[in-house]
Amino acid sequence: MSIQSTIEAAVGSLSPSLRRIAETIRERPTIVLESTINDLAAECGTSVASVVRFCQAIGMAGYAQLRVALATELGKESAQFGMPAAYGADVSPGDSLQEIARKISSLELMAIDETIGSLDFEVLERVVGRFENASRILLYGVGASQFVAEDLQHKLFRIGRDAFVLSDPHEAWAAAALPVSGVVAMGISHLGETKDTLEFLRIAAENGAFTVALTGVPGSAIANAADEVLYTRARETTFRAGAMVSRIAQLALVDCLFAGIAQRRYHYTVDALRRTREVTRGARGV
């Protein structure tokens, strides 16, 4: 997991003074390379001791280690994706539309790269097996996570799997409360603290379902509540009216999950996709 993604995942659990440091680095990661520890503390309106505590909170021994690690990370990312030194930086007030597009593109490319690069394939294999053998698949998310759930449900439905997206929390809890054998329930939440999603997983588990969480934060509430956890890695932008970069990471992981399930019945899947494609093409021609 990259330093910047570690900071992104930790923001919600930090104290106010440490959160200011995290948010400053999220917006302009190169500030660590350009500033002494005293300069960074002054920029964030906090103390040198707080900067040290921040470094320790994200697994660094101190500021010197953070500077070296972040310099290495930014250098690798710039070389890998061919972006300028501001690679990985957040959108700023003075950016042109071209710069905004480049920054969004770089963040989304990194999200996919880091998510797949850090994926625990043994966990994914077990989740694929559970989905493959499920009698019923229940999917739930709030806001942008619901769109990801709908994307997975659409794909699974096209290959004959009984998958349901539950958009209303009461509907989701009611479905989760039914003690049907072989149910798999997946809750999707980037920060992993959405109360309705957590309640959905709790009720499902109490009634015998196998539960899966898809989240970007290790140690989050839904990660602790689920039988298996699939993690995304993403650095969100300031403009989070709805999830942007994290949504791309979730969709990439959902695609891997779907492909694993579909491959288990390869010939049936190919035939099912052909049939559904042909019938929808025919309907458009009516």
Protein backbone atom coordinates (compact mmCIF):
# COMPACT_ATOMS: atom_id res chain seq x y z
CA MET A 1 0.00 0.00 0.00
CA SER A 2 1.46 3.38 -0.99
CA ILE A 3 2.19 6.15 1.51
CA GLN A 4 -0.44 8.41 -0.04
CA SER A 5 -3.11 5.70 0.03
CA THR A 6 -2.18 4.94 3.64
CA ILE A 7 -2.74 8.60 4.48
CA GLU A 8 -6.07 8.58 2.61
CA ALA A 9 -7.27 5.55 4.55
CA ALA A 10 -6.15 6.99 7.90
CA VAL A 11 -7.70 10.46 7.62
CA GLY A 12 -11.01 9.57 9.24
CA SER A 13 -9.40 8.12 12.36
CA LEU A 14 -6.91 10.93 13.05
CA SER A 15 -7.21 13.69 15.64
CA PRO A 16 -7.99 17.21 14.30
CA SER A 17 -4.36 18.36 14.40
CA LEU A 18 -3.08 15.23 12.66
CA ARG A 19 -5.95 15.38 10.16
CA ARG A 20 -4.83 18.87 9.09
CA ILE A 21 -1.40 17.47 8.29
CA ALA A 22 -2.90 14.55 6.37
CA GLU A 23 -5.19 16.81 4.35
CA THR A 24 -2.34 19.19 3.52
CA ILE A 25 -0.21 16.32 2.21
CA ARG A 26 -3.19 14.85 0.31
CA GLU A 27 -3.69 18.16 -1.49
CA ARG A 28 0.02 18.68 -2.28
CA PRO A 29 2.22 15.64 -1.57
CA THR A 30 5.37 17.43 -2.77
CA ILE A 31 5.13 19.78 0.23
CA VAL A 32 6.93 17.13 2.29
CA LEU A 33 9.85 17.19 -0.13
CA GLU A 34 9.94 20.99 -0.18
CA SER A 35 9.52 21.67 3.56
CA THR A 36 11.39 21.09 6.78
CA ILE A 37 9.43 19.59 9.65
CA ASN A 38 9.14 23.08 11.17
CA ASP A 39 7.84 24.51 7.89
CA LEU A 40 5.22 21.77 7.54
CA ALA A 41 4.07 22.24 11.13
CA ALA A 42 3.66 25.97 10.55
CA GLU A 43 1.83 25.40 7.27
CA CYS A 44 -0.64 23.07 9.01
CA GLY A 45 -1.08 25.27 12.08
CA THR A 46 0.22 22.59 14.39
CA SER A 47 3.39 21.58 16.24
CA VAL A 48 6.52 19.65 15.33
CA ALA A 49 5.46 17.01 17.87
CA SER A 50 2.16 16.60 16.01
CA VAL A 51 4.02 16.04 12.74
CA VAL A 52 6.08 13.33 14.42
CA ARG A 53 2.92 11.72 15.81
CA PHE A 54 1.37 11.87 12.34
CA CYS A 55 4.36 10.06 10.86
CA GLN A 56 4.08 7.35 13.49
CA ALA A 57 0.32 7.06 12.92
CA ILE A 58 0.92 6.08 9.28
CA GLY A 59 3.73 3.66 10.10
CA MET A 60 6.77 5.92 9.67
CA ALA A 61 9.48 6.25 12.30
CA GLY A 62 9.71 10.00 11.77
CA TYR A 63 9.70 12.87 9.30
CA ALA A 64 12.98 11.90 7.63
CA GLN A 65 11.61 8.46 6.76
CA LEU A 66 8.39 10.01 5.46
CA ARG A 67 10.35 12.37 3.17
CA VAL A 68 12.47 9.55 1.75
CA ALA A 69 9.50 7.22 1.27
CA LEU A 70 7.33 9.87 -0.35
CA ALA A 71 10.14 11.08 -2.63
CA THR A 72 10.70 7.51 -3.80
CA GLU A 73 6.99 6.95 -4.32
CA LEU A 74 6.43 10.16 -6.29
CA GLY A 75 9.50 9.45 -8.42
CA LYS A 76 8.28 5.96 -9.29
CA GLU A 77 4.79 7.21 -10.11
CA SER A 78 6.12 9.98 -12.33
CA ALA A 79 8.36 7.52 -14.20
CA GLN A 80 5.60 4.92 -14.50
CA PHE A 81 2.87 7.19 -15.75
CA GLY A 82 4.93 9.92 -17.39
CA MET A 83 3.42 12.71 -15.34
CA PRO A 84 5.03 15.89 -13.98
CA ALA A 85 6.23 16.41 -10.41
CA ALA A 86 2.70 17.31 -9.28
CA TYR A 87 1.62 13.75 -10.03
CA GLY A 88 -0.80 12.53 -7.40
CA ALA A 89 -1.67 16.06 -6.25
CA ASP A 90 -5.23 17.14 -5.70
CA VAL A 91 -7.12 19.62 -7.87
CA SER A 92 -6.21 23.20 -6.93
CA PRO A 93 -8.02 26.53 -7.54
CA GLY A 94 -5.53 27.67 -10.18
CA ASP A 95 -5.54 24.52 -12.33
CA SER A 96 -6.54 24.71 -15.99
CA LEU A 97 -9.06 22.19 -17.33
CA GLN A 98 -6.17 20.33 -18.92
CA GLU A 99 -4.36 20.10 -15.58
CA ILE A 100 -7.56 18.98 -13.85
CA ALA A 101 -8.07 16.24 -16.45
CA ARG A 102 -4.48 15.07 -16.05
CA LYS A 103 -4.75 14.96 -12.28
CA ILE A 104 -8.04 13.03 -12.35
CA SER A 105 -6.57 10.63 -14.89
CA SER A 106 -3.45 10.06 -12.79
CA LEU A 107 -5.44 9.48 -9.60
CA GLU A 108 -7.75 6.99 -11.30
CA LEU A 109 -4.88 5.12 -12.95
CA MET A 110 -3.12 4.90 -9.60
CA ALA A 111 -6.28 3.69 -7.88
CA ILE A 112 -6.62 0.78 -10.28
CA ASP A 113 -2.90 0.01 -10.19
CA GLU A 114 -2.69 0.07 -6.38
CA THR A 115 -5.95 -1.82 -5.86
CA ILE A 116 -4.97 -4.69 -8.13
CA GLY A 117 -1.34 -4.60 -7.02
CA SER A 118 -2.27 -5.00 -3.35
CA LEU A 119 -5.15 -7.43 -3.88
CA ASP A 120 -5.15 -10.54 -1.69
CA PHE A 121 -5.89 -13.16 -4.32
CA GLU A 122 -6.47 -15.89 -1.76
CA VAL A 123 -9.31 -13.83 -0.31
CA LEU A 124 -10.62 -13.08 -3.80
CA GLU A 125 -10.55 -16.79 -4.64
CA ARG A 126 -12.59 -17.63 -1.55
CA VAL A 127 -15.10 -14.88 -2.29
CA VAL A 128 -15.44 -16.04 -5.90
CA GLY A 129 -16.16 -19.56 -4.63
CA ARG A 130 -18.85 -18.29 -2.27
CA PHE A 131 -20.50 -16.24 -5.00
CA GLU A 132 -20.31 -19.17 -7.39
CA ASN A 133 -22.13 -21.49 -5.00
CA ALA A 134 -24.58 -18.95 -3.58
CA SER A 135 -28.30 -19.60 -3.77
CA ARG A 136 -28.89 -15.86 -3.51
CA ILE A 137 -26.58 -12.83 -3.65
CA LEU A 138 -27.58 -9.67 -1.79
CA LEU A 139 -25.73 -6.44 -2.63
CA TYR A 140 -26.00 -3.18 -0.71
CA GLY A 141 -24.34 0.21 -0.75
CA VAL A 142 -25.33 3.81 -0.16
CA GLY A 143 -24.74 6.70 -2.58
CA ALA A 144 -21.99 6.01 -5.11
CA SER A 145 -21.48 2.54 -3.59
CA GLN A 146 -24.99 1.67 -4.71
CA PHE A 147 -23.98 2.35 -8.32
CA VAL A 148 -21.12 -0.13 -7.91
CA ALA A 149 -23.53 -2.70 -6.46
CA GLU A 150 -25.86 -2.15 -9.42
CA ASP A 151 -22.99 -2.66 -11.85
CA LEU A 152 -22.11 -6.01 -10.27
CA GLN A 153 -25.77 -7.08 -10.12
CA HIS A 154 -26.22 -6.27 -13.82
CA LYS A 155 -23.20 -8.38 -14.76
CA LEU A 156 -24.22 -11.32 -12.57
CA PHE A 157 -27.82 -11.20 -13.77
CA ARG A 158 -26.64 -11.41 -17.38
CA ILE A 159 -25.05 -14.80 -16.64
CA GLY A 160 -28.02 -16.21 -14.75
CA ARG A 161 -27.04 -15.55 -11.14
CA ASP A 162 -29.72 -14.62 -8.59
CA ALA A 163 -28.25 -11.29 -7.50
CA PHE A 164 -30.27 -8.46 -5.98
CA VAL A 165 -29.40 -4.83 -5.30
CA LEU A 166 -31.30 -3.52 -2.31
CA SER A 167 -31.60 0.25 -2.55
CA ASP A 168 -33.79 0.94 0.49
CA PRO A 169 -32.26 0.19 3.91
CA HIS A 170 -35.45 -1.35 5.28
CA GLU A 171 -35.70 -3.54 2.19
CA ALA A 172 -32.06 -4.54 2.61
CA TRP A 173 -32.47 -5.41 6.27
CA ALA A 174 -35.66 -7.38 5.57
CA ALA A 175 -33.93 -9.43 2.85
CA ALA A 176 -30.92 -10.00 5.11
CA ALA A 177 -33.21 -11.21 7.93
CA LEU A 178 -34.51 -14.18 5.91
CA PRO A 179 -32.62 -17.32 6.99
CA VAL A 180 -32.24 -18.76 3.49
CA SER A 181 -29.49 -21.34 3.01
CA GLY A 182 -26.54 -20.35 0.83
CA VAL A 183 -26.96 -16.56 0.91
CA VAL A 184 -23.99 -14.28 0.29
CA ALA A 185 -24.36 -10.65 1.40
CA MET A 186 -21.93 -7.98 0.21
CA GLY A 187 -21.77 -4.51 1.75
CA ILE A 188 -19.92 -1.77 -0.15
CA SER A 189 -18.59 1.35 1.58
CA HIS A 190 -15.38 3.22 0.73
CA LEU A 191 -14.77 4.49 4.27
CA GLY A 192 -16.41 1.44 5.81
CA GLU A 193 -18.46 3.33 8.39
CA THR A 194 -21.88 3.69 6.69
CA LYS A 195 -24.36 2.73 9.41
CA ASP A 196 -27.03 1.29 7.10
CA THR A 197 -24.46 -0.92 5.36
CA LEU A 198 -23.03 -2.08 8.66
CA GLU A 199 -26.52 -2.97 9.90
CA PHE A 200 -27.21 -4.88 6.68
CA LEU A 201 -24.11 -7.03 7.17
CA ARG A 202 -24.84 -7.55 10.86
CA ILE A 203 -28.39 -8.77 10.20
CA ALA A 204 -27.24 -10.98 7.33
CA ALA A 205 -24.55 -12.60 9.49
CA GLU A 206 -27.01 -13.20 12.32
CA ASN A 207 -29.25 -15.09 9.92
CA GLY A 208 -26.60 -17.38 8.49
CA ALA A 209 -25.40 -15.47 5.42
CA PHE A 210 -21.76 -15.40 4.39
CA THR A 211 -20.76 -11.73 4.49
CA VAL A 212 -18.30 -9.82 2.31
CA ALA A 213 -17.18 -6.20 2.70
CA LEU A 214 -15.74 -4.07 -0.09
CA THR A 215 -14.01 -1.07 1.47
CA GLY A 216 -10.95 1.11 1.28
CA VAL A 217 -10.17 1.29 5.00
CA PRO A 218 -8.56 -1.60 6.92
CA GLY A 219 -9.97 -1.83 10.43
CA SER A 220 -13.17 -0.01 9.49
CA ALA A 221 -16.51 -1.07 10.98
CA ILE A 222 -17.68 -3.11 7.99
CA ALA A 223 -14.25 -4.68 7.56
CA ASN A 224 -14.46 -5.94 11.13
CA ALA A 225 -18.04 -7.14 10.65
CA ALA A 226 -17.55 -9.25 7.51
CA ASP A 227 -16.34 -12.82 7.00
CA GLU A 228 -14.11 -11.71 4.11
CA VAL A 229 -12.90 -8.25 3.05
CA LEU A 230 -11.85 -6.97 -0.37
CA TYR A 231 -9.85 -3.74 -0.17
CA THR A 232 -9.55 -0.89 -2.65
CA ARG A 233 -6.76 1.70 -2.65
CA ALA A 234 -7.72 5.20 -3.75
CA ARG A 235 -6.87 8.85 -3.15
CA GLU A 236 -10.03 10.90 -3.42
CA THR A 237 -10.17 14.45 -4.78
CA THR A 238 -11.51 17.48 -2.93
CA PHE A 239 -14.62 17.40 -5.12
CA ARG A 240 -16.37 14.50 -3.44
CA ALA A 241 -20.03 15.33 -4.08
CA GLY A 242 -20.01 11.63 -4.84
CA ALA A 243 -17.13 9.19 -4.87
CA MET A 244 -14.90 9.65 -7.91
CA VAL A 245 -11.54 7.94 -7.67
CA SER A 246 -12.71 5.41 -5.07
CA ARG A 247 -15.60 4.45 -7.35
CA ILE A 248 -13.15 3.59 -10.13
CA ALA A 249 -11.18 1.38 -7.75
CA GLN A 250 -14.36 -0.35 -6.60
CA LEU A 251 -15.46 -0.97 -10.19
CA ALA A 252 -12.06 -2.46 -11.06
CA LEU A 253 -12.31 -4.84 -8.12
CA VAL A 254 -15.92 -5.72 -8.95
CA ASP A 255 -14.85 -6.54 -12.51
CA CYS A 256 -12.18 -8.92 -11.18
CA LEU A 257 -14.76 -10.57 -8.94
CA PHE A 258 -17.24 -10.95 -11.79
CA ALA A 259 -14.63 -12.34 -14.18
CA GLY A 260 -13.59 -14.92 -11.58
CA ILE A 261 -17.20 -16.01 -11.10
CA ALA A 262 -17.92 -16.06 -14.84
CA GLN A 263 -14.82 -18.15 -15.57
CA ARG A 264 -16.03 -20.94 -13.27
CA ARG A 265 -18.72 -21.72 -15.88
CA TYR A 266 -16.87 -20.50 -18.93
CA HIS A 267 -18.91 -22.04 -21.75
CA TYR A 268 -22.22 -21.30 -20.05
CA THR A 269 -21.12 -17.70 -19.47
CA VAL A 270 -20.13 -17.16 -23.10
CA ASP A 271 -23.44 -18.60 -24.27
CA ALA A 272 -25.45 -16.54 -21.74
CA LEU A 273 -23.75 -13.31 -22.76
CA ARG A 274 -24.29 -14.12 -26.44
CA ARG A 275 -28.00 -14.82 -25.89
CA THR A 276 -28.63 -11.68 -23.82
CA ARG A 277 -26.64 -9.54 -26.25
CA GLU A 278 -28.56 -10.85 -29.25
CA VAL A 279 -31.98 -10.40 -27.70
CA THR A 280 -31.25 -6.82 -26.62
CA ARG A 281 -29.89 -5.98 -30.06
CA GLY A 282 -33.04 -7.43 -31.57
CA ALA A 283 -35.21 -5.37 -29.26
CA ARG A 284 -33.54 -2.16 -30.42
CA GLY A 285 -34.38 -3.03 -33.99
CA VAL A 286 -38.12 -3.42 -33.31
